[in-house]
Protein backbone atom coordinates (compact mmCIF):
# COMPACT_ATOMS: atom_id res chain seq x y z
CA UNK A 1 85.95 -66.42 -88.34
CA UNK A 2 87.15 -69.14 -85.99
CA UNK A 3 87.52 -66.54 -83.23
CA UNK A 4 84.02 -65.27 -84.02
CA UNK A 5 82.57 -68.78 -83.81
CA UNK A 6 84.34 -69.43 -80.53
CA UNK A 7 83.12 -66.12 -79.08
CA UNK A 8 79.52 -66.81 -80.04
CA UNK A 9 79.66 -70.39 -78.79
CA UNK A 10 81.00 -69.18 -75.45
CA UNK A 11 78.34 -66.51 -74.93
CA UNK A 12 75.23 -67.33 -76.97
CA UNK A 13 73.46 -68.91 -74.00
CA UNK A 14 73.84 -65.85 -71.78
CA UNK A 15 72.24 -63.81 -74.57
CA UNK A 16 69.21 -66.08 -74.61
CA UNK A 17 69.15 -66.23 -70.80
CA UNK A 18 69.00 -62.43 -70.53
CA UNK A 19 66.31 -62.13 -73.19
CA UNK A 20 64.09 -64.83 -71.69
CA UNK A 21 64.23 -63.36 -68.20
CA UNK A 22 63.44 -59.85 -69.44
CA UNK A 23 60.69 -60.90 -71.85
CA UNK A 24 59.22 -64.08 -70.35
CA UNK A 25 58.88 -65.44 -73.88
CA UNK A 26 60.93 -68.21 -75.45
CA UNK A 27 60.00 -67.14 -78.98
CA UNK A 28 60.94 -63.52 -78.35
CA UNK A 29 64.17 -64.61 -76.66
CA UNK A 30 65.11 -66.63 -79.73
CA UNK A 31 64.41 -63.62 -81.96
CA UNK A 32 66.56 -61.39 -79.76
CA UNK A 33 69.33 -63.98 -79.80
CA UNK A 34 69.28 -64.10 -83.59
CA UNK A 35 69.30 -60.30 -83.90
CA UNK A 36 72.19 -60.07 -81.44
CA UNK A 37 74.10 -62.58 -83.55
CA UNK A 38 73.46 -60.49 -86.67
CA UNK A 39 74.77 -57.38 -84.94
CA UNK A 40 77.86 -59.21 -83.76
CA UNK A 41 78.47 -60.50 -87.27
CA UNK A 42 78.13 -56.97 -88.66
CA UNK A 43 81.09 -55.85 -86.54
CA UNK A 44 83.41 -57.97 -88.63
CA UNK A 45 86.90 -58.12 -87.16
CA UNK A 46 86.44 -55.13 -84.87
CA UNK A 47 87.74 -56.28 -81.46
CA UNK A 48 85.66 -56.33 -78.29
CA UNK A 49 87.24 -55.52 -74.93
CA UNK A 50 84.51 -57.41 -73.04
CA UNK A 51 82.49 -59.65 -75.39
CA UNK A 52 80.10 -60.88 -72.70
CA UNK A 53 79.21 -57.37 -71.55
CA UNK A 54 78.79 -56.18 -75.14
CA UNK A 55 76.46 -59.05 -76.01
CA UNK A 56 74.41 -58.57 -72.84
CA UNK A 57 74.15 -54.86 -73.64
CA UNK A 58 72.84 -55.52 -77.15
CA UNK A 59 70.47 -58.26 -76.01
CA UNK A 60 69.15 -56.12 -73.16
CA UNK A 61 68.41 -53.13 -75.38
CA UNK A 62 66.69 -55.31 -77.96
CA UNK A 63 64.67 -56.98 -75.21
CA UNK A 64 63.60 -53.65 -73.69
CA UNK A 65 62.49 -52.39 -77.11
CA UNK A 66 60.46 -55.53 -77.67
CA UNK A 67 59.02 -55.39 -74.15
CA UNK A 68 57.80 -51.84 -74.66
CA UNK A 69 56.32 -52.78 -78.03
CA UNK A 70 54.32 -55.53 -76.29
CA UNK A 71 52.95 -53.33 -73.49
CA UNK A 72 49.60 -52.64 -75.15
CA UNK A 73 48.93 -56.24 -76.17
CA UNK A 74 49.76 -57.48 -72.68
CA UNK A 75 47.42 -54.96 -71.08
CA UNK A 76 44.65 -56.14 -73.42
CA UNK A 77 45.37 -59.82 -72.77
CA UNK A 78 42.37 -61.84 -71.56
CA UNK A 79 43.05 -63.27 -68.10
CA UNK A 80 46.44 -63.60 -66.39
CA UNK A 81 49.50 -63.19 -68.61
CA UNK A 82 52.04 -65.80 -67.52
CA UNK A 83 55.55 -66.29 -68.90
CA UNK A 84 56.11 -69.11 -71.36
CA UNK A 85 57.29 -72.14 -69.37
CA UNK A 86 60.67 -73.79 -69.64
CA UNK A 87 60.16 -77.54 -69.41
CA UNK A 88 63.15 -79.80 -68.97
CA UNK A 89 62.77 -83.55 -69.28
CA UNK A 90 64.51 -86.43 -71.02
CA UNK A 91 63.22 -85.21 -74.40
CA UNK A 92 64.72 -81.72 -74.12
CA UNK A 93 67.57 -81.18 -76.55
CA UNK A 94 70.71 -79.53 -75.13
CA UNK A 95 70.49 -76.61 -77.59
CA UNK A 96 66.95 -75.88 -76.40
CA UNK A 97 67.88 -75.51 -72.74
CA UNK A 98 67.86 -72.21 -70.89
CA UNK A 99 70.24 -71.94 -67.94
CA UNK A 100 68.14 -72.87 -64.93
CA UNK A 101 68.58 -71.24 -61.53
CA UNK A 102 66.48 -69.28 -59.04
CA UNK A 103 66.19 -66.37 -61.47
CA UNK A 104 64.11 -68.45 -63.89
CA UNK A 105 61.56 -69.62 -61.33
CA UNK A 106 58.00 -68.89 -62.39
CA UNK A 107 57.20 -67.10 -59.12
CA UNK A 108 59.98 -64.57 -59.72
CA UNK A 109 59.15 -64.11 -63.40
CA UNK A 110 55.53 -63.37 -62.50
CA UNK A 111 56.63 -60.63 -60.08
CA UNK A 112 59.03 -59.22 -62.68
CA UNK A 113 56.09 -58.86 -65.07
CA UNK A 114 54.63 -56.30 -62.67
CA UNK A 115 57.72 -54.08 -62.77
CA UNK A 116 58.62 -51.36 -65.24
CA UNK A 117 61.08 -52.33 -68.00
CA UNK A 118 63.79 -50.28 -66.28
CA UNK A 119 63.21 -51.89 -62.87
CA UNK A 120 63.10 -55.39 -64.29
CA UNK A 121 66.21 -54.93 -66.41
CA UNK A 122 68.24 -53.20 -63.70
CA UNK A 123 67.48 -55.96 -61.21
CA UNK A 124 68.27 -58.77 -63.62
CA UNK A 125 71.45 -57.30 -65.06
CA UNK A 126 72.92 -56.34 -61.69
CA UNK A 127 71.63 -59.01 -59.31
CA UNK A 128 71.53 -61.98 -61.69
CA UNK A 129 74.10 -61.28 -64.42
CA UNK A 130 76.58 -59.35 -62.24
CA UNK A 131 76.90 -56.21 -64.33
CA UNK A 132 77.99 -53.11 -62.44
CA UNK A 133 75.60 -50.18 -62.22
CA UNK A 134 77.75 -48.15 -64.59
CA UNK A 135 77.11 -50.65 -67.36
CA UNK A 136 73.45 -51.05 -66.36
CA UNK A 137 73.03 -47.27 -66.51
CA UNK A 138 74.57 -47.19 -69.98
CA UNK A 139 72.13 -49.86 -71.19
CA UNK A 140 69.12 -48.05 -69.73
CA UNK A 141 70.28 -44.59 -70.77
CA UNK A 142 70.15 -43.25 -67.21
CA UNK A 143 72.60 -42.29 -64.47
CA UNK A 144 74.19 -44.98 -62.27
CA UNK A 145 72.23 -43.61 -59.30
CA UNK A 146 68.97 -44.00 -61.22
CA UNK A 147 69.89 -47.55 -62.26
CA UNK A 148 70.67 -48.38 -58.64
CA UNK A 149 67.30 -46.98 -57.54
CA UNK A 150 65.47 -49.03 -60.18
CA UNK A 151 67.12 -52.22 -58.96
CA UNK A 152 66.33 -51.30 -55.36
CA UNK A 153 62.65 -50.72 -56.16
CA UNK A 154 62.54 -54.09 -57.90
CA UNK A 155 64.02 -55.84 -54.87
CA UNK A 156 61.48 -54.22 -52.57
CA UNK A 157 58.60 -55.33 -54.79
CA UNK A 158 59.95 -58.86 -54.95
CA UNK A 159 60.38 -59.01 -51.17
CA UNK A 160 56.96 -57.47 -50.51
CA UNK A 161 55.25 -60.11 -52.63
CA UNK A 162 56.95 -62.92 -50.76
CA UNK A 163 59.12 -64.23 -53.57
CA UNK A 164 61.32 -66.75 -51.82
CA UNK A 165 62.47 -70.31 -52.21
CA UNK A 166 59.82 -72.86 -51.52
CA UNK A 167 59.77 -74.12 -47.95
CA UNK A 168 59.81 -77.86 -48.60
CA UNK A 169 62.71 -80.07 -49.52
CA UNK A 170 63.10 -80.84 -53.24
CA UNK A 171 62.32 -84.53 -52.65
CA UNK A 172 59.09 -83.61 -50.86
CA UNK A 173 58.17 -81.19 -53.66
CA UNK A 174 58.71 -83.99 -56.15
CA UNK A 175 56.46 -86.34 -54.15
CA UNK A 176 53.73 -83.70 -53.95
CA UNK A 177 53.96 -83.16 -57.69
CA UNK A 178 53.69 -86.90 -58.33
CA UNK A 179 50.72 -87.14 -55.97
CA UNK A 180 48.99 -84.26 -57.73
CA UNK A 181 49.71 -85.65 -61.20
CA UNK A 182 48.34 -89.07 -60.22
CA UNK A 183 45.18 -87.52 -58.78
CA UNK A 184 44.66 -85.45 -61.92
CA UNK A 185 45.11 -88.52 -64.13
CA UNK A 186 42.53 -90.45 -62.10
CA UNK A 187 40.08 -87.58 -61.72
CA UNK A 188 40.53 -87.89 -57.96
CA UNK A 189 39.04 -84.74 -56.41
CA UNK A 190 40.02 -85.65 -52.85
CA UNK A 191 43.56 -86.46 -53.93
CA UNK A 192 43.93 -83.05 -55.56
CA UNK A 193 42.57 -81.27 -52.50
CA UNK A 194 44.92 -83.20 -50.19
CA UNK A 195 47.98 -82.08 -52.16
CA UNK A 196 46.90 -78.43 -52.13
CA UNK A 197 47.16 -75.93 -49.29
CA UNK A 198 43.72 -74.89 -48.05
CA UNK A 199 44.38 -71.31 -49.15
CA UNK A 200 46.12 -72.23 -52.42
CA UNK A 201 45.88 -69.92 -55.42
CA UNK A 202 45.48 -70.87 -59.05
CA UNK A 203 46.49 -68.59 -61.94
CA UNK A 204 45.44 -70.00 -65.31
CA UNK A 205 46.60 -68.51 -68.60
CA UNK A 206 44.54 -69.63 -71.58
CA UNK A 207 44.76 -66.39 -73.52
CA UNK A 208 40.97 -66.21 -73.66
CA UNK A 209 40.88 -69.12 -76.10
CA UNK A 210 38.91 -71.47 -73.87
CA UNK A 211 35.58 -69.97 -72.73
CA UNK A 212 35.38 -72.01 -69.52
CA UNK A 213 38.87 -71.08 -68.34
CA UNK A 214 38.96 -68.63 -65.40
CA UNK A 215 40.17 -65.11 -66.05
CA UNK A 216 40.63 -64.28 -62.37
CA UNK A 217 42.69 -65.92 -59.64
CA UNK A 218 41.06 -69.09 -58.27
CA UNK A 219 41.28 -69.23 -54.46
CA UNK A 220 41.10 -72.34 -52.27
CA UNK A 221 42.00 -75.99 -52.70
CA UNK A 222 38.48 -77.22 -53.49
CA UNK A 223 37.78 -74.53 -56.09
CA UNK A 224 41.11 -75.19 -57.79
CA UNK A 225 40.47 -78.95 -57.84
CA UNK A 226 37.02 -78.44 -59.34
CA UNK A 227 38.40 -76.08 -61.95
CA UNK A 228 41.13 -78.49 -62.98
CA UNK A 229 38.77 -81.43 -63.24
CA UNK A 230 36.27 -79.34 -65.20
CA UNK A 231 38.98 -78.29 -67.64
CA UNK A 232 40.77 -81.61 -68.14
CA UNK A 233 38.43 -84.34 -66.94
CA UNK A 234 37.48 -86.94 -69.51
CA UNK A 235 39.96 -85.68 -72.12
CA UNK A 236 42.25 -88.68 -72.01
CA UNK A 237 45.22 -86.64 -70.83
CA UNK A 238 48.43 -88.06 -69.45
CA UNK A 239 49.94 -86.12 -66.55
CA UNK A 240 53.61 -86.42 -65.70
CA UNK A 241 56.09 -84.65 -63.47
CA UNK A 242 58.82 -82.62 -65.13
CA UNK A 243 61.12 -79.77 -64.23
CA UNK A 244 59.26 -76.54 -64.98
CA UNK A 245 61.33 -73.38 -64.63
CA UNK A 246 63.83 -75.08 -62.34
CA UNK A 247 61.24 -76.61 -59.99
CA UNK A 248 59.04 -79.70 -59.96
CA UNK A 249 55.95 -79.14 -62.07
CA UNK A 250 53.47 -81.06 -64.17
CA UNK A 251 52.85 -81.36 -67.89
CA UNK A 252 49.68 -82.69 -69.49
CA UNK A 253 49.90 -84.51 -72.80
CA UNK A 254 47.35 -85.67 -75.30
CA UNK A 255 48.72 -88.31 -77.67
CA UNK A 256 52.24 -87.22 -76.79
CA UNK A 257 51.71 -83.51 -77.41
CA UNK A 258 51.96 -81.07 -74.49
CA UNK A 259 48.71 -79.14 -74.11
CA UNK A 260 49.16 -77.68 -70.63
CA UNK A 261 51.94 -76.95 -68.15
CA UNK A 262 51.55 -76.42 -64.41
CA UNK A 263 54.33 -74.56 -62.61
CA UNK A 264 54.03 -75.15 -58.88
CA UNK A 265 55.00 -73.32 -55.70
CA UNK A 266 55.24 -75.12 -52.38
CA UNK A 267 54.79 -74.16 -48.76
CA UNK A 268 54.48 -76.23 -45.57
CA UNK A 269 54.42 -79.55 -47.46
CA UNK A 270 51.56 -78.52 -49.72
CA UNK A 271 51.19 -76.96 -53.16
CA UNK A 272 50.47 -73.30 -52.44
CA UNK A 273 50.30 -71.78 -55.93
CA UNK A 274 49.61 -73.16 -59.39
CA UNK A 275 50.58 -71.26 -62.52
CA UNK A 276 48.78 -73.06 -65.32
CA UNK A 277 49.70 -72.27 -68.93
CA UNK A 278 47.29 -73.63 -71.51
CA UNK A 279 47.47 -71.00 -74.24
CA UNK A 280 48.67 -73.01 -77.26
CA UNK A 281 50.71 -70.06 -78.52
CA UNK A 282 52.84 -70.27 -75.37
CA UNK A 283 53.55 -73.97 -75.76
CA UNK A 284 54.69 -74.14 -79.39
CA UNK A 285 58.36 -74.25 -78.34
CA UNK A 286 57.80 -77.46 -76.38
CA UNK A 287 58.39 -80.74 -78.16
């Protein structure tokens, strides 16, 4: 049992990391992690040649099954469906942290949502988690050549949609985030517009709960600023900068409780894209 505990301790985070990136849901990732643990426990003392690969295989298959089960509900979702955000600040407990790197950035996760389960999984398992295409093919139930093609299609889609690292230095991105948060706190329309690129885009996920929330992409700095002030103005919210999916972002609190998260993309020293998550069901994991 000691060996079992050591094995799980060594690899449990990669299980959750795989599940979150495939599913875009913290709650679903936790469920997959628990089910993977149960399946590992059921093996008893049966040895594993490659524990990490075995756990990733189980977690990936469970995630794909869950992803396919969600396809209908996601198609029927009101407005943009955005992944649940990962917020890291001083209050985040170590056991609640997901490994943060480029593969968890909101911009990439949003593009992955547009791929088929096979394309998404092949790309993540090979390009992010370093599994060879033989193992990826086994997980997907296809040939290695087919797995390779799925990953290649995913890369082309990601490249075509301009998924790349933001083009400002991290310190500048932090300053822009602080400027935007201060303007939002003060209801400063001009301050919001100044921080945004003129052709900025706003994607706001409220799950259809709030009738005034947009269900289509909001284009342009002024329209985004008006939308934000219309949604949050006069509500006594506190805005603060935090790490959101490995990049500077903003969280809005009311009496200490997070009610909205803004994941930001940056370009040419301006905020170019806002991914706003306000659906309460997608924020329950945040403390």
